[in-house]
Amino acid sequence: MATSTKLFTLCSGLMGALFAYSASVQLNDPDWYFWFPLYTGACAVNLMNVAAATSNPVSRRIAEVTLWAALFLFCKVVVEDLATGTAGLWSLDLRERVVREKIGSGMVFVSMVLHFKAFPLPEAEGKKKGKEHGIPRHVEYGMLGLVVFSFGLPSVFFRVMGGGEMKFE
C-alpha cells in the first residue's frame, strides 16, 4: 500500500482547507444542495489523507462518490454555459458564476483522480508483496500544480488584473 509523502500531505491539507472554505460559502447559494456535498466530500478525502497518510475504504468510497458528483456538475455547468453563451468553455473570468463552478468542480475532479493514483487498490499495485510503495512523483507534482493553480488563479485575477464585481446569476 502506498504511503503519503510530506509534499502530498501538505498539498492535501491545503486543498482540504480550500474545499472546506468552498463548502462554507455555498450555504447561501440557491443550489447549495449540489455544491455543499461536493466540496465537503473533497474536503473529507483530502483531510483523511492528512490524518492517516494512507487510503482506507471509507475515504476511497467518499472519493468515488465525489469524483462522479464532480464529473456530473462539471458537465451540468458546461452545458449551462454553452446554452446561455455566458463565458465560453475556456474562460477563466472568475466574475462569472458558471466559470467559478466549472473551475471548482474541475479542481475537485482532478483532486480525486490524483488521490486514486496515489493510493491504488492493492491488486492494482502489482505482485510486490510486503513492500511499501511511495506515491509516484508525477502524482505529487500534479497535486502541487493543483494547489498552485487553485490558490494562484484567484490571486492573479482579483489582485493583478483588477477582477471586478462578481456576478451571481
N, C-alpha and C. Protein backbone atom coordinates (compact mmCIF):
# COMPACT_ATOMS: atom_id res chain seq x y z
N MET A 1 0.85 -1.17 0.00
CA MET A 1 0.00 0.00 0.00
C MET A 1 0.89 1.24 0.00
N ALA A 2 0.52 2.23 -0.76
CA ALA A 2 1.30 3.46 -0.85
C ALA A 2 1.15 4.28 0.42
N THR A 3 2.25 4.92 0.79
CA THR A 3 2.20 5.84 1.92
C THR A 3 2.42 7.24 1.41
N SER A 4 1.81 8.18 2.08
CA SER A 4 1.85 9.56 1.65
C SER A 4 3.21 10.19 1.93
N THR A 5 3.63 11.09 1.05
CA THR A 5 4.86 11.84 1.25
C THR A 5 4.52 13.17 1.90
N LYS A 6 5.54 13.88 2.36
CA LYS A 6 5.31 15.17 3.00
C LYS A 6 4.70 16.17 2.03
N LEU A 7 5.18 16.18 0.78
CA LEU A 7 4.64 17.10 -0.21
C LEU A 7 3.18 16.81 -0.49
N PHE A 8 2.84 15.54 -0.70
CA PHE A 8 1.46 15.18 -0.99
C PHE A 8 0.56 15.48 0.21
N THR A 9 1.06 15.22 1.42
CA THR A 9 0.29 15.50 2.63
C THR A 9 0.05 17.00 2.79
N LEU A 10 1.08 17.80 2.57
CA LEU A 10 0.94 19.25 2.65
C LEU A 10 -0.07 19.76 1.63
N CYS A 11 0.04 19.29 0.40
CA CYS A 11 -0.89 19.71 -0.66
C CYS A 11 -2.31 19.26 -0.35
N SER A 12 -2.46 18.06 0.20
CA SER A 12 -3.79 17.58 0.58
C SER A 12 -4.38 18.45 1.68
N GLY A 13 -3.56 18.87 2.62
CA GLY A 13 -4.03 19.75 3.68
C GLY A 13 -4.50 21.09 3.14
N LEU A 14 -3.72 21.65 2.23
CA LEU A 14 -4.10 22.93 1.62
C LEU A 14 -5.38 22.80 0.80
N MET A 15 -5.50 21.72 0.03
CA MET A 15 -6.72 21.52 -0.75
C MET A 15 -7.91 21.24 0.16
N GLY A 16 -7.69 20.50 1.25
CA GLY A 16 -8.76 20.26 2.21
C GLY A 16 -9.27 21.56 2.80
N ALA A 17 -8.35 22.46 3.13
CA ALA A 17 -8.75 23.77 3.67
C ALA A 17 -9.51 24.58 2.62
N LEU A 18 -9.04 24.55 1.39
CA LEU A 18 -9.72 25.29 0.32
C LEU A 18 -11.12 24.73 0.08
N PHE A 19 -11.25 23.39 0.06
CA PHE A 19 -12.56 22.80 -0.15
C PHE A 19 -13.48 23.04 1.05
N ALA A 20 -12.94 23.11 2.25
CA ALA A 20 -13.76 23.44 3.43
C ALA A 20 -14.30 24.86 3.30
N TYR A 21 -13.44 25.79 2.89
CA TYR A 21 -13.89 27.16 2.67
C TYR A 21 -14.95 27.20 1.57
N SER A 22 -14.71 26.49 0.48
CA SER A 22 -15.66 26.47 -0.64
C SER A 22 -17.01 25.92 -0.19
N ALA A 23 -17.00 24.89 0.64
CA ALA A 23 -18.26 24.34 1.15
C ALA A 23 -18.98 25.37 2.01
N SER A 24 -18.23 26.09 2.83
CA SER A 24 -18.87 27.04 3.75
C SER A 24 -19.54 28.20 3.02
N VAL A 25 -19.01 28.63 1.89
CA VAL A 25 -19.62 29.76 1.18
C VAL A 25 -20.78 29.31 0.29
N GLN A 26 -21.05 28.02 0.22
CA GLN A 26 -22.17 27.52 -0.59
C GLN A 26 -23.49 27.59 0.15
N LEU A 27 -23.44 27.80 1.44
CA LEU A 27 -24.66 27.71 2.25
C LEU A 27 -25.70 28.77 1.92
N ASN A 28 -25.30 29.88 1.30
CA ASN A 28 -26.28 30.89 0.91
C ASN A 28 -26.57 30.85 -0.59
N ASP A 29 -26.12 29.81 -1.25
CA ASP A 29 -26.31 29.64 -2.68
C ASP A 29 -27.67 29.00 -2.96
N PRO A 30 -28.36 29.39 -4.03
CA PRO A 30 -29.67 28.78 -4.31
C PRO A 30 -29.58 27.27 -4.58
N ASP A 31 -28.49 26.80 -5.16
CA ASP A 31 -28.35 25.37 -5.43
C ASP A 31 -27.26 24.75 -4.55
N TRP A 32 -27.26 25.12 -3.28
CA TRP A 32 -26.27 24.65 -2.32
C TRP A 32 -26.26 23.13 -2.20
N TYR A 33 -27.42 22.49 -2.43
CA TYR A 33 -27.55 21.05 -2.28
C TYR A 33 -26.70 20.28 -3.30
N PHE A 34 -26.25 20.93 -4.38
CA PHE A 34 -25.29 20.31 -5.30
C PHE A 34 -23.87 20.52 -4.80
N TRP A 35 -23.55 21.76 -4.47
CA TRP A 35 -22.16 22.16 -4.25
C TRP A 35 -21.65 21.88 -2.86
N PHE A 36 -22.48 22.00 -1.84
CA PHE A 36 -22.03 21.74 -0.48
C PHE A 36 -21.54 20.29 -0.32
N PRO A 37 -22.31 19.28 -0.76
CA PRO A 37 -21.81 17.90 -0.63
C PRO A 37 -20.54 17.64 -1.47
N LEU A 38 -20.45 18.29 -2.63
CA LEU A 38 -19.28 18.11 -3.48
C LEU A 38 -18.02 18.58 -2.75
N TYR A 39 -18.05 19.80 -2.27
CA TYR A 39 -16.87 20.35 -1.60
C TYR A 39 -16.61 19.69 -0.25
N THR A 40 -17.67 19.28 0.44
CA THR A 40 -17.50 18.59 1.72
C THR A 40 -16.84 17.23 1.50
N GLY A 41 -17.26 16.50 0.47
CA GLY A 41 -16.63 15.21 0.16
C GLY A 41 -15.17 15.37 -0.21
N ALA A 42 -14.86 16.38 -1.02
CA ALA A 42 -13.47 16.62 -1.41
C ALA A 42 -12.63 17.02 -0.21
N CYS A 43 -13.19 17.82 0.67
CA CYS A 43 -12.51 18.21 1.90
C CYS A 43 -12.22 16.98 2.75
N ALA A 44 -13.21 16.13 2.92
CA ALA A 44 -13.06 14.93 3.76
C ALA A 44 -11.96 14.02 3.23
N VAL A 45 -11.95 13.77 1.93
CA VAL A 45 -10.93 12.88 1.34
C VAL A 45 -9.55 13.47 1.55
N ASN A 46 -9.38 14.75 1.29
CA ASN A 46 -8.07 15.38 1.45
C ASN A 46 -7.62 15.38 2.90
N LEU A 47 -8.52 15.69 3.82
CA LEU A 47 -8.14 15.73 5.23
C LEU A 47 -7.93 14.34 5.81
N MET A 48 -8.65 13.33 5.32
CA MET A 48 -8.39 11.95 5.76
C MET A 48 -6.99 11.52 5.35
N ASN A 49 -6.54 11.97 4.19
CA ASN A 49 -5.18 11.65 3.76
C ASN A 49 -4.17 12.30 4.69
N VAL A 50 -4.44 13.53 5.12
CA VAL A 50 -3.53 14.22 6.04
C VAL A 50 -3.47 13.46 7.36
N ALA A 51 -4.61 13.02 7.86
CA ALA A 51 -4.67 12.35 9.16
C ALA A 51 -4.06 10.95 9.13
N ALA A 52 -4.32 10.20 8.07
CA ALA A 52 -3.91 8.79 8.05
C ALA A 52 -2.68 8.52 7.18
N ALA A 53 -2.41 9.35 6.20
CA ALA A 53 -1.29 9.20 5.27
C ALA A 53 -1.39 7.93 4.41
N THR A 54 -2.52 7.27 4.45
CA THR A 54 -2.78 6.14 3.57
C THR A 54 -4.27 6.15 3.22
N SER A 55 -4.61 5.40 2.21
CA SER A 55 -6.01 5.32 1.83
C SER A 55 -6.71 4.29 2.72
N ASN A 56 -7.99 4.50 2.94
CA ASN A 56 -8.78 3.50 3.65
C ASN A 56 -10.09 3.33 2.89
N PRO A 57 -10.83 2.26 3.17
CA PRO A 57 -12.06 2.02 2.40
C PRO A 57 -13.08 3.15 2.48
N VAL A 58 -13.16 3.82 3.61
CA VAL A 58 -14.14 4.91 3.75
C VAL A 58 -13.75 6.08 2.87
N SER A 59 -12.48 6.50 2.93
CA SER A 59 -12.06 7.63 2.10
C SER A 59 -12.13 7.28 0.62
N ARG A 60 -11.86 6.03 0.27
CA ARG A 60 -11.94 5.62 -1.13
C ARG A 60 -13.38 5.69 -1.63
N ARG A 61 -14.33 5.27 -0.80
CA ARG A 61 -15.74 5.31 -1.19
C ARG A 61 -16.23 6.76 -1.33
N ILE A 62 -15.83 7.61 -0.38
CA ILE A 62 -16.19 9.03 -0.47
C ILE A 62 -15.57 9.64 -1.72
N ALA A 63 -14.34 9.26 -2.02
CA ALA A 63 -13.67 9.77 -3.22
C ALA A 63 -14.39 9.34 -4.49
N GLU A 64 -14.89 8.10 -4.52
CA GLU A 64 -15.62 7.63 -5.70
C GLU A 64 -16.89 8.44 -5.93
N VAL A 65 -17.67 8.62 -4.87
CA VAL A 65 -18.92 9.39 -4.97
C VAL A 65 -18.61 10.84 -5.36
N THR A 66 -17.59 11.41 -4.74
CA THR A 66 -17.22 12.80 -5.02
C THR A 66 -16.73 12.96 -6.45
N LEU A 67 -15.97 11.99 -6.94
CA LEU A 67 -15.48 12.02 -8.33
C LEU A 67 -16.64 12.07 -9.31
N TRP A 68 -17.64 11.20 -9.11
CA TRP A 68 -18.79 11.17 -10.01
C TRP A 68 -19.64 12.44 -9.89
N ALA A 69 -19.77 12.95 -8.67
CA ALA A 69 -20.51 14.21 -8.48
C ALA A 69 -19.80 15.35 -9.18
N ALA A 70 -18.47 15.40 -9.08
CA ALA A 70 -17.70 16.45 -9.75
C ALA A 70 -17.86 16.37 -11.26
N LEU A 71 -17.82 15.17 -11.80
CA LEU A 71 -17.99 14.99 -13.25
C LEU A 71 -19.39 15.43 -13.68
N PHE A 72 -20.40 15.04 -12.93
CA PHE A 72 -21.78 15.43 -13.25
C PHE A 72 -21.93 16.95 -13.22
N LEU A 73 -21.45 17.58 -12.14
CA LEU A 73 -21.61 19.03 -12.01
C LEU A 73 -20.78 19.79 -13.03
N PHE A 74 -19.61 19.28 -13.38
CA PHE A 74 -18.81 19.91 -14.42
C PHE A 74 -19.58 19.90 -15.74
N CYS A 75 -20.14 18.75 -16.10
CA CYS A 75 -20.92 18.65 -17.34
C CYS A 75 -22.15 19.56 -17.28
N LYS A 76 -22.83 19.61 -16.14
CA LYS A 76 -24.00 20.48 -15.97
C LYS A 76 -23.65 21.93 -16.23
N VAL A 77 -22.55 22.38 -15.64
CA VAL A 77 -22.16 23.78 -15.77
C VAL A 77 -21.69 24.09 -17.20
N VAL A 78 -20.96 23.17 -17.83
CA VAL A 78 -20.51 23.39 -19.20
C VAL A 78 -21.71 23.48 -20.14
N VAL A 79 -22.68 22.59 -19.98
CA VAL A 79 -23.88 22.64 -20.83
C VAL A 79 -24.64 23.94 -20.58
N GLU A 80 -24.77 24.34 -19.32
CA GLU A 80 -25.46 25.59 -18.99
C GLU A 80 -24.74 26.78 -19.64
N ASP A 81 -23.42 26.78 -19.56
CA ASP A 81 -22.63 27.86 -20.15
C ASP A 81 -22.78 27.90 -21.67
N LEU A 82 -22.72 26.73 -22.30
CA LEU A 82 -22.86 26.68 -23.75
C LEU A 82 -24.27 27.10 -24.19
N ALA A 83 -25.28 26.71 -23.41
CA ALA A 83 -26.66 27.06 -23.76
C ALA A 83 -26.93 28.55 -23.63
N THR A 84 -26.34 29.18 -22.62
CA THR A 84 -26.58 30.60 -22.41
C THR A 84 -25.54 31.50 -23.06
N GLY A 85 -24.41 30.93 -23.44
CA GLY A 85 -23.34 31.71 -24.04
C GLY A 85 -22.73 32.72 -23.07
N THR A 86 -22.70 32.37 -21.81
CA THR A 86 -22.25 33.30 -20.77
C THR A 86 -20.77 33.62 -20.86
N ALA A 87 -19.92 32.60 -20.86
CA ALA A 87 -18.49 32.87 -20.74
C ALA A 87 -17.64 32.13 -21.77
N GLY A 88 -18.04 30.98 -22.20
CA GLY A 88 -17.22 30.19 -23.10
C GLY A 88 -16.48 29.10 -22.35
N LEU A 89 -16.20 28.02 -23.04
CA LEU A 89 -15.62 26.83 -22.42
C LEU A 89 -14.28 27.10 -21.73
N TRP A 90 -13.42 27.88 -22.34
CA TRP A 90 -12.07 28.09 -21.81
C TRP A 90 -11.91 29.36 -21.00
N SER A 91 -13.00 30.04 -20.71
CA SER A 91 -12.93 31.29 -19.97
C SER A 91 -12.45 31.07 -18.53
N LEU A 92 -11.63 31.98 -18.05
CA LEU A 92 -11.18 31.98 -16.66
C LEU A 92 -11.64 33.25 -15.95
N ASP A 93 -12.69 33.87 -16.47
CA ASP A 93 -13.24 35.10 -15.90
C ASP A 93 -14.02 34.76 -14.63
N LEU A 94 -13.37 34.90 -13.49
CA LEU A 94 -13.95 34.49 -12.22
C LEU A 94 -15.12 35.35 -11.76
N ARG A 95 -15.44 36.41 -12.49
CA ARG A 95 -16.63 37.18 -12.15
C ARG A 95 -17.90 36.40 -12.47
N GLU A 96 -17.81 35.48 -13.42
CA GLU A 96 -18.98 34.70 -13.86
C GLU A 96 -19.18 33.48 -12.97
N ARG A 97 -20.41 33.28 -12.52
CA ARG A 97 -20.75 32.14 -11.67
C ARG A 97 -20.44 30.81 -12.33
N VAL A 98 -20.79 30.68 -13.63
CA VAL A 98 -20.56 29.40 -14.30
C VAL A 98 -19.07 29.08 -14.41
N VAL A 99 -18.25 30.08 -14.53
CA VAL A 99 -16.80 29.85 -14.60
C VAL A 99 -16.29 29.38 -13.24
N ARG A 100 -16.73 30.02 -12.16
CA ARG A 100 -16.31 29.60 -10.82
C ARG A 100 -16.76 28.17 -10.54
N GLU A 101 -17.99 27.83 -10.94
CA GLU A 101 -18.49 26.48 -10.70
C GLU A 101 -17.77 25.45 -11.57
N LYS A 102 -17.45 25.83 -12.80
CA LYS A 102 -16.72 24.93 -13.69
C LYS A 102 -15.32 24.65 -13.14
N ILE A 103 -14.64 25.69 -12.71
CA ILE A 103 -13.29 25.53 -12.17
C ILE A 103 -13.34 24.75 -10.85
N GLY A 104 -14.30 25.04 -10.00
CA GLY A 104 -14.42 24.33 -8.73
C GLY A 104 -14.67 22.85 -8.91
N SER A 105 -15.61 22.49 -9.77
CA SER A 105 -15.89 21.07 -10.00
C SER A 105 -14.71 20.40 -10.69
N GLY A 106 -14.02 21.12 -11.56
CA GLY A 106 -12.83 20.57 -12.21
C GLY A 106 -11.71 20.31 -11.21
N MET A 107 -11.53 21.23 -10.26
CA MET A 107 -10.49 21.03 -9.24
C MET A 107 -10.82 19.83 -8.34
N VAL A 108 -12.08 19.66 -8.00
CA VAL A 108 -12.47 18.50 -7.20
C VAL A 108 -12.21 17.22 -7.99
N PHE A 109 -12.57 17.20 -9.27
CA PHE A 109 -12.35 16.03 -10.10
C PHE A 109 -10.86 15.67 -10.16
N VAL A 110 -10.02 16.67 -10.42
CA VAL A 110 -8.58 16.42 -10.52
C VAL A 110 -8.03 15.93 -9.18
N SER A 111 -8.47 16.52 -8.09
CA SER A 111 -8.01 16.10 -6.77
C SER A 111 -8.37 14.64 -6.50
N MET A 112 -9.58 14.24 -6.85
CA MET A 112 -9.99 12.86 -6.60
C MET A 112 -9.21 11.89 -7.48
N VAL A 113 -8.98 12.25 -8.75
CA VAL A 113 -8.18 11.39 -9.63
C VAL A 113 -6.78 11.23 -9.07
N LEU A 114 -6.19 12.31 -8.58
CA LEU A 114 -4.84 12.22 -8.01
C LEU A 114 -4.82 11.35 -6.76
N HIS A 115 -5.89 11.39 -5.96
CA HIS A 115 -5.94 10.50 -4.80
C HIS A 115 -6.05 9.04 -5.22
N PHE A 116 -6.79 8.76 -6.28
CA PHE A 116 -6.87 7.38 -6.77
C PHE A 116 -5.52 6.91 -7.31
N LYS A 117 -4.79 7.81 -7.97
CA LYS A 117 -3.46 7.47 -8.48
C LYS A 117 -2.46 7.29 -7.34
N ALA A 118 -2.62 8.08 -6.29
CA ALA A 118 -1.69 8.00 -5.16
C ALA A 118 -1.90 6.72 -4.35
N PHE A 119 -3.15 6.31 -4.22
CA PHE A 119 -3.48 5.15 -3.41
C PHE A 119 -4.29 4.14 -4.23
N PRO A 120 -3.64 3.42 -5.15
CA PRO A 120 -4.39 2.45 -5.96
C PRO A 120 -4.87 1.28 -5.10
N LEU A 121 -5.82 0.54 -5.63
CA LEU A 121 -6.27 -0.67 -4.95
C LEU A 121 -5.09 -1.63 -4.82
N PRO A 122 -5.06 -2.44 -3.76
CA PRO A 122 -3.92 -3.34 -3.56
C PRO A 122 -3.63 -4.25 -4.74
N GLU A 123 -4.67 -4.76 -5.40
CA GLU A 123 -4.43 -5.64 -6.55
C GLU A 123 -3.90 -4.88 -7.75
N ALA A 124 -4.09 -3.55 -7.78
CA ALA A 124 -3.59 -2.74 -8.90
C ALA A 124 -2.12 -2.38 -8.71
N GLU A 125 -1.58 -2.60 -7.53
CA GLU A 125 -0.18 -2.27 -7.27
C GLU A 125 0.78 -3.33 -7.79
N GLY A 126 0.26 -4.42 -8.23
CA GLY A 126 1.14 -5.45 -8.75
C GLY A 126 1.38 -6.55 -7.73
N LYS A 127 2.32 -7.37 -8.01
CA LYS A 127 2.60 -8.55 -7.20
C LYS A 127 3.73 -8.33 -6.20
N LYS A 128 4.06 -7.08 -5.90
CA LYS A 128 5.15 -6.77 -4.97
C LYS A 128 4.61 -6.85 -3.54
N LYS A 129 4.62 -8.02 -2.97
CA LYS A 129 4.06 -8.21 -1.64
C LYS A 129 5.05 -7.79 -0.57
N GLY A 130 4.51 -7.20 0.48
CA GLY A 130 5.32 -6.87 1.63
C GLY A 130 6.16 -5.62 1.51
N LYS A 131 6.10 -4.92 0.40
CA LYS A 131 6.89 -3.70 0.23
C LYS A 131 6.00 -2.48 0.31
N GLU A 132 6.51 -1.45 0.94
CA GLU A 132 5.83 -0.16 0.99
C GLU A 132 6.16 0.60 -0.29
N HIS A 133 5.17 1.17 -0.90
CA HIS A 133 5.37 1.94 -2.12
C HIS A 133 5.05 3.39 -1.84
N GLY A 134 5.86 4.29 -2.36
CA GLY A 134 5.58 5.70 -2.22
C GLY A 134 4.66 6.17 -3.33
N ILE A 135 4.23 7.38 -3.20
CA ILE A 135 3.38 7.99 -4.22
C ILE A 135 4.26 8.37 -5.40
N PRO A 136 3.83 8.06 -6.63
CA PRO A 136 4.64 8.42 -7.80
C PRO A 136 4.88 9.93 -7.88
N ARG A 137 6.04 10.30 -8.36
CA ARG A 137 6.42 11.72 -8.44
C ARG A 137 5.44 12.53 -9.27
N HIS A 138 4.96 11.98 -10.39
CA HIS A 138 4.05 12.75 -11.22
C HIS A 138 2.73 13.05 -10.50
N VAL A 139 2.34 12.19 -9.58
CA VAL A 139 1.13 12.43 -8.80
C VAL A 139 1.38 13.53 -7.77
N GLU A 140 2.56 13.48 -7.11
CA GLU A 140 2.91 14.55 -6.18
C GLU A 140 2.95 15.90 -6.87
N TYR A 141 3.59 15.95 -8.04
CA TYR A 141 3.69 17.22 -8.76
C TYR A 141 2.35 17.65 -9.33
N GLY A 142 1.50 16.69 -9.66
CA GLY A 142 0.14 17.02 -10.09
C GLY A 142 -0.64 17.70 -8.97
N MET A 143 -0.49 17.18 -7.76
CA MET A 143 -1.17 17.78 -6.61
C MET A 143 -0.58 19.16 -6.32
N LEU A 144 0.73 19.30 -6.43
CA LEU A 144 1.36 20.61 -6.24
C LEU A 144 0.86 21.60 -7.29
N GLY A 145 0.75 21.16 -8.54
CA GLY A 145 0.22 22.01 -9.60
C GLY A 145 -1.21 22.43 -9.33
N LEU A 146 -2.01 21.51 -8.78
CA LEU A 146 -3.39 21.84 -8.44
C LEU A 146 -3.45 22.91 -7.35
N VAL A 147 -2.59 22.79 -6.36
CA VAL A 147 -2.52 23.79 -5.29
C VAL A 147 -2.12 25.15 -5.86
N VAL A 148 -1.08 25.17 -6.69
CA VAL A 148 -0.61 26.43 -7.28
C VAL A 148 -1.71 27.07 -8.12
N PHE A 149 -2.39 26.26 -8.93
CA PHE A 149 -3.49 26.78 -9.76
C PHE A 149 -4.63 27.30 -8.89
N SER A 150 -5.06 26.50 -7.91
CA SER A 150 -6.25 26.87 -7.15
C SER A 150 -6.04 28.06 -6.24
N PHE A 151 -4.81 28.26 -5.76
CA PHE A 151 -4.54 29.45 -4.95
C PHE A 151 -4.03 30.60 -5.81
N GLY A 152 -3.39 30.28 -6.92
CA GLY A 152 -2.81 31.31 -7.76
C GLY A 152 -3.80 32.02 -8.67
N LEU A 153 -4.75 31.29 -9.25
CA LEU A 153 -5.70 31.89 -10.18
C LEU A 153 -6.49 33.03 -9.55
N PRO A 154 -7.12 32.83 -8.38
CA PRO A 154 -7.85 33.96 -7.80
C PRO A 154 -6.93 35.12 -7.44
N SER A 155 -5.73 34.83 -6.97
CA SER A 155 -4.79 35.89 -6.62
C SER A 155 -4.44 36.73 -7.84
N VAL A 156 -4.13 36.07 -8.93
CA VAL A 156 -3.79 36.79 -10.16
C VAL A 156 -5.00 37.54 -10.68
N PHE A 157 -6.15 36.90 -10.70
CA PHE A 157 -7.33 37.52 -11.28
C PHE A 157 -7.79 38.73 -10.50
N PHE A 158 -7.93 38.59 -9.19
CA PHE A 158 -8.51 39.67 -8.40
C PHE A 158 -7.51 40.74 -7.97
N ARG A 159 -6.24 40.39 -7.84
CA ARG A 159 -5.26 41.38 -7.39
C ARG A 159 -4.52 42.02 -8.56
N VAL A 160 -4.01 41.21 -9.44
CA VAL A 160 -3.18 41.73 -10.53
C VAL A 160 -4.04 42.32 -11.64
N MET A 161 -5.11 41.62 -12.02
CA MET A 161 -5.92 42.06 -13.15
C MET A 161 -7.09 42.94 -12.73
N GLY A 162 -7.26 43.18 -11.44
CA GLY A 162 -8.33 44.08 -11.00
C GLY A 162 -9.65 43.39 -10.77
N GLY A 163 -9.84 42.20 -11.30
CA GLY A 163 -11.04 41.41 -11.04
C GLY A 163 -12.33 42.08 -11.42
N GLY A 164 -12.87 42.88 -10.57
CA GLY A 164 -14.16 43.50 -10.80
C GLY A 164 -15.22 42.86 -9.93
N GLU A 165 -16.48 43.21 -10.18
CA GLU A 165 -17.57 42.70 -9.39
C GLU A 165 -17.96 41.30 -9.85
N MET A 166 -18.21 40.43 -8.85
CA MET A 166 -18.60 39.07 -9.18
C MET A 166 -20.09 39.03 -9.52
N LYS A 167 -20.43 38.19 -10.50
CA LYS A 167 -21.81 38.01 -10.91
C LYS A 167 -22.31 36.69 -10.34
N PHE A 168 -23.52 36.72 -9.81
CA PHE A 168 -24.07 35.52 -9.18
C PHE A 168 -25.20 34.90 -9.98
N GLU A 169 -25.57 35.47 -11.05
CA GLU A 169 -26.65 34.90 -11.87
C GLU A 169 -26.19 34.66 -13.26
